[in-house]
N, C-alpha and C. Protein backbone atom coordinates (compact mmCIF):
# COMPACT_ATOMS: atom_id res chain seq x y z
N MET A 1 0.62 -0.97 0.10
CA MET A 1 -0.27 -0.09 0.07
C MET A 1 1.16 1.57 -0.20
N ALA A 2 0.74 2.22 -1.33
CA ALA A 2 1.62 3.46 -1.06
C ALA A 2 1.07 4.16 0.49
N THR A 3 1.95 5.05 0.63
CA THR A 3 1.82 6.15 1.11
C THR A 3 1.43 7.58 0.78
N VAL A 4 0.84 8.01 0.52
CA VAL A 4 0.73 9.99 0.33
C VAL A 4 0.68 10.73 1.20
N THR A 5 1.86 11.61 1.21
CA THR A 5 2.33 12.85 1.84
C THR A 5 1.54 13.91 1.08
N ALA A 6 1.44 14.49 2.64
CA ALA A 6 1.53 16.49 2.26
C ALA A 6 -0.27 17.03 0.98
N MET A 7 -0.76 15.18 0.73
CA MET A 7 -2.53 15.12 -0.17
C MET A 7 -3.25 16.74 0.91
N SER A 8 -3.32 16.44 2.10
CA SER A 8 -4.32 17.38 2.16
C SER A 8 -4.24 18.62 1.68
N ASP A 9 -3.18 19.42 1.75
CA ASP A 9 -2.58 20.52 1.11
C ASP A 9 -3.26 21.40 -0.15
N GLY A 10 -3.40 20.37 -1.04
CA GLY A 10 -4.23 20.71 -2.07
C GLY A 10 -5.29 20.06 -2.04
N LEU A 11 -5.92 19.41 -1.78
CA LEU A 11 -7.32 18.81 -1.78
C LEU A 11 -8.66 20.12 -1.61
N ASP A 12 -9.45 20.25 -2.69
CA ASP A 12 -10.46 20.75 -2.71
C ASP A 12 -11.58 19.48 -2.34
N VAL A 13 -12.40 19.54 -1.28
CA VAL A 13 -12.96 18.29 -0.50
C VAL A 13 -14.34 18.69 -1.47
N GLU A 14 -14.55 20.14 -1.63
CA GLU A 14 -16.07 20.00 -2.10
C GLU A 14 -15.68 20.05 -3.38
N ALA A 15 -14.78 20.13 -4.64
CA ALA A 15 -14.88 19.65 -5.57
C ALA A 15 -14.79 18.20 -5.96
N MET A 16 -13.98 17.44 -5.07
CA MET A 16 -14.36 15.87 -5.48
C MET A 16 -15.18 15.36 -5.12
N ILE A 17 -16.30 15.88 -4.29
CA ILE A 17 -17.67 15.94 -4.24
C ILE A 17 -18.60 16.00 -5.25
N GLN A 18 -18.02 17.23 -5.80
CA GLN A 18 -19.13 18.00 -6.96
C GLN A 18 -18.53 17.09 -8.27
N ARG A 19 -16.74 16.51 -8.27
CA ARG A 19 -17.07 15.37 -9.68
C ARG A 19 -17.67 13.91 -9.10
N PHE A 20 -18.10 13.74 -7.67
CA PHE A 20 -19.28 12.45 -7.61
C PHE A 20 -20.32 12.83 -8.15
N ARG A 21 -20.59 13.52 -8.14
CA ARG A 21 -22.02 13.91 -8.54
C ARG A 21 -21.86 14.70 -9.50
N ASP A 22 -20.99 14.82 -10.38
CA ASP A 22 -21.07 14.53 -11.90
C ASP A 22 -20.92 13.02 -13.16
N ARG A 23 -20.43 12.09 -11.60
CA ARG A 23 -20.25 10.89 -12.80
C ARG A 23 -21.44 10.22 -11.75
N ALA A 24 -22.06 10.68 -10.46
CA ALA A 24 -23.26 9.46 -10.56
C ALA A 24 -24.89 10.05 -12.03
N HIS A 25 -24.27 11.64 -12.01
CA HIS A 25 -25.18 11.96 -13.01
C HIS A 25 -24.64 11.53 -14.55
N ALA A 26 -23.45 11.37 -14.82
CA ALA A 26 -23.09 10.66 -16.12
C ALA A 26 -23.48 9.31 -16.44
N VAL A 27 -23.43 8.46 -15.22
CA VAL A 27 -23.95 6.93 -15.31
C VAL A 27 -25.59 6.96 -15.55
N LYS A 28 -26.21 8.14 -14.36
CA LYS A 28 -27.81 7.53 -14.54
C LYS A 28 -28.29 8.03 -16.12
N THR A 29 -27.49 8.73 -16.92
CA THR A 29 -28.25 9.35 -17.60
C THR A 29 -27.25 9.30 -19.18
N ARG A 30 -26.44 8.16 -19.36
CA ARG A 30 -25.80 7.59 -20.14
C ARG A 30 -26.44 6.25 -20.67
N PRO A 31 -26.14 6.54 -22.54
CA PRO A 31 -26.97 5.27 -23.61
C PRO A 31 -26.48 4.14 -23.05
N LEU A 32 -27.32 3.00 -23.09
CA LEU A 32 -26.81 1.78 -23.23
C LEU A 32 -26.33 1.65 -23.77
N PRO A 33 -24.80 1.05 -24.53
CA PRO A 33 -24.45 0.63 -25.95
C PRO A 33 -25.17 -0.75 -25.75
N PRO A 34 -25.20 -0.88 -27.26
CA PRO A 34 -25.82 -2.28 -28.27
C PRO A 34 -25.56 -3.45 -28.02
N VAL A 35 -25.43 -3.55 -27.03
CA VAL A 35 -25.31 -5.38 -26.17
C VAL A 35 -26.96 -6.60 -25.63
N ALA A 36 -27.00 -7.28 -26.33
CA ALA A 36 -28.03 -8.04 -25.36
C ALA A 36 -27.07 -9.54 -24.57
N GLY A 37 -28.51 -9.92 -24.06
CA GLY A 37 -28.22 -10.98 -23.35
C GLY A 37 -27.44 -10.53 -21.75
N SER A 38 -26.95 -11.73 -21.33
CA SER A 38 -26.35 -11.83 -20.48
C SER A 38 -25.07 -10.47 -20.12
N GLU A 39 -24.25 -9.88 -21.20
CA GLU A 39 -23.55 -9.23 -21.48
C GLU A 39 -24.37 -7.24 -20.82
N ARG A 40 -25.73 -7.36 -21.97
CA ARG A 40 -26.71 -6.30 -21.41
C ARG A 40 -27.21 -6.35 -19.44
N THR A 41 -27.51 -7.46 -19.06
CA THR A 41 -27.57 -7.76 -17.88
C THR A 41 -26.11 -6.92 -17.23
N LYS A 42 -25.42 -7.92 -17.22
CA LYS A 42 -24.23 -7.03 -16.78
C LYS A 42 -23.63 -5.97 -16.64
N PHE A 43 -23.94 -5.16 -17.92
CA PHE A 43 -23.90 -3.95 -18.09
C PHE A 43 -24.38 -3.20 -17.43
N ILE A 44 -25.61 -3.46 -17.34
CA ILE A 44 -26.73 -2.34 -16.34
C ILE A 44 -26.93 -3.31 -14.87
N GLN A 45 -26.37 -3.65 -14.42
CA GLN A 45 -26.13 -4.60 -13.49
C GLN A 45 -24.68 -3.63 -12.85
N GLN A 46 -23.78 -3.42 -13.53
CA GLN A 46 -22.53 -2.41 -12.97
C GLN A 46 -22.85 -0.99 -13.18
N ALA A 47 -23.52 -0.67 -13.92
CA ALA A 47 -23.98 0.93 -13.80
C ALA A 47 -25.22 1.09 -12.47
N GLN A 48 -25.86 0.00 -12.48
CA GLN A 48 -26.77 0.87 -10.90
C GLN A 48 -25.57 0.61 -9.69
N PHE A 49 -24.83 -0.01 -9.84
CA PHE A 49 -23.69 -0.03 -8.00
C PHE A 49 -22.70 0.85 -9.37
N ASP A 50 -22.36 1.32 -10.16
CA ASP A 50 -21.77 2.76 -10.32
C ASP A 50 -22.68 4.29 -9.20
N TYR A 51 -23.72 3.78 -10.31
CA TYR A 51 -24.66 5.00 -9.27
C TYR A 51 -24.31 4.79 -8.18
N GLN A 52 -24.79 4.11 -7.64
CA GLN A 52 -25.55 4.02 -6.09
C GLN A 52 -24.20 4.25 -5.47
N ASP A 53 -22.85 4.20 -5.80
CA ASP A 53 -21.57 4.04 -5.61
C ASP A 53 -21.51 5.97 -5.07
N PHE A 54 -21.63 6.60 -6.94
CA PHE A 54 -21.13 7.49 -7.03
C PHE A 54 -21.95 8.61 -6.25
N ALA A 55 -23.72 8.63 -6.00
CA ALA A 55 -24.60 8.83 -5.43
C ALA A 55 -24.22 9.10 -3.88
N MET A 56 -23.64 7.88 -3.11
CA MET A 56 -23.24 7.88 -1.97
C MET A 56 -22.16 8.76 -1.93
N LEU A 57 -21.39 8.90 -2.49
CA LEU A 57 -20.31 9.65 -1.84
C LEU A 57 -20.30 11.24 -2.38
N SER A 58 -21.48 10.89 -3.34
CA SER A 58 -21.62 12.32 -3.57
C SER A 58 -22.39 13.74 -2.61
N ASP A 59 -23.45 12.17 -1.57
CA ASP A 59 -23.96 13.36 -0.63
C ASP A 59 -23.28 13.11 0.63
N ALA A 60 -21.82 12.72 0.90
CA ALA A 60 -21.32 12.71 2.22
C ALA A 60 -21.29 14.16 2.54
N ALA A 61 -20.85 14.11 4.05
CA ALA A 61 -20.14 15.54 4.44
C ALA A 61 -19.21 14.63 4.84
N ALA A 62 -18.07 16.30 3.45
CA ALA A 62 -16.33 15.24 4.05
C ALA A 62 -15.99 16.44 5.12
N SER A 63 -14.85 15.82 5.58
CA SER A 63 -14.20 16.81 6.59
C SER A 63 -12.52 16.41 6.69
N LEU A 64 -11.67 17.11 6.69
CA LEU A 64 -9.94 16.81 6.72
C LEU A 64 -10.09 16.37 8.66
N GLU A 65 -9.77 15.97 8.64
CA GLU A 65 -9.54 15.72 10.57
C GLU A 65 -7.60 14.91 10.85
N ASP A 66 -6.90 15.92 11.28
CA ASP A 66 -6.01 15.92 11.35
C ASP A 66 -4.65 15.19 10.27
N GLY A 67 -4.96 15.65 9.19
CA GLY A 67 -4.51 15.34 7.76
C GLY A 67 -5.30 13.25 7.23
N ILE A 68 -6.49 13.83 7.65
CA ILE A 68 -7.50 12.25 7.53
C ILE A 68 -8.89 12.96 6.77
N LEU A 69 -8.93 12.63 6.09
CA LEU A 69 -9.86 12.54 4.53
C LEU A 69 -10.87 11.71 5.38
N VAL A 70 -12.19 12.38 6.19
CA VAL A 70 -13.41 11.52 6.49
C VAL A 70 -15.00 12.15 5.47
N LEU A 71 -15.31 11.12 5.49
CA LEU A 71 -16.41 11.17 4.77
C LEU A 71 -18.32 10.38 5.08
N ARG A 72 -18.85 11.52 5.72
CA ARG A 72 -20.06 11.12 6.84
C ARG A 72 -21.45 10.83 5.66
N ILE A 73 -21.37 9.83 5.49
CA ILE A 73 -22.55 9.76 5.24
C ILE A 73 -23.64 8.78 5.61
N ASP A 74 -25.23 9.44 5.95
CA ASP A 74 -25.71 9.08 6.43
C ASP A 74 -26.63 8.26 5.69
N LEU A 75 -26.78 6.71 6.29
CA LEU A 75 -27.89 5.38 5.59
C LEU A 75 -28.99 5.47 5.77
N ARG A 76 -28.81 6.49 7.62
CA ARG A 76 -30.81 6.00 7.72
C ARG A 76 -31.67 6.82 6.60
N PRO A 77 -33.26 5.85 7.10
CA PRO A 77 -34.56 6.70 6.16
C PRO A 77 -34.23 8.06 6.04
N ALA A 78 -35.24 8.82 5.65
CA ALA A 78 -34.88 10.44 5.86
C ALA A 78 -36.27 10.47 6.90
N GLU A 79 -36.95 10.19 7.69
CA GLU A 79 -37.17 10.06 8.69
C GLU A 79 -37.06 9.32 10.23
N ASP A 80 -35.65 9.16 10.07
CA ASP A 80 -34.84 9.09 11.01
C ASP A 80 -33.57 10.15 11.10
N ARG A 81 -33.70 10.99 10.39
CA ARG A 81 -32.77 11.38 10.65
C ARG A 81 -32.39 13.03 11.27
N ASP A 82 -31.82 12.83 12.52
CA ASP A 82 -31.48 14.47 13.60
C ASP A 82 -31.78 15.48 12.78
N GLY A 83 -31.48 15.47 11.60
CA GLY A 83 -31.28 17.14 10.31
C GLY A 83 -29.90 17.39 10.35
N SER A 84 -28.82 16.62 10.82
CA SER A 84 -27.12 16.49 11.20
C SER A 84 -27.05 16.11 9.94
């Protein structure tokens, strides 16, 4: 595993979160390529996973704490959230 030093100095967390929003939107709106059968099913399933992952990260509250990027994602149902 590689170690990156001083990454937090130039990291724009809000821009990173926006890139995840953009990726989620791109996955949601990209056209289906001309594939059929099991390949089509695999493509659709992967697109669903990609969208889910990018959408979750785009909803994260991000902070840098002692040089550690912390992403908080509230996975509770909307009615169970306390507004934080």
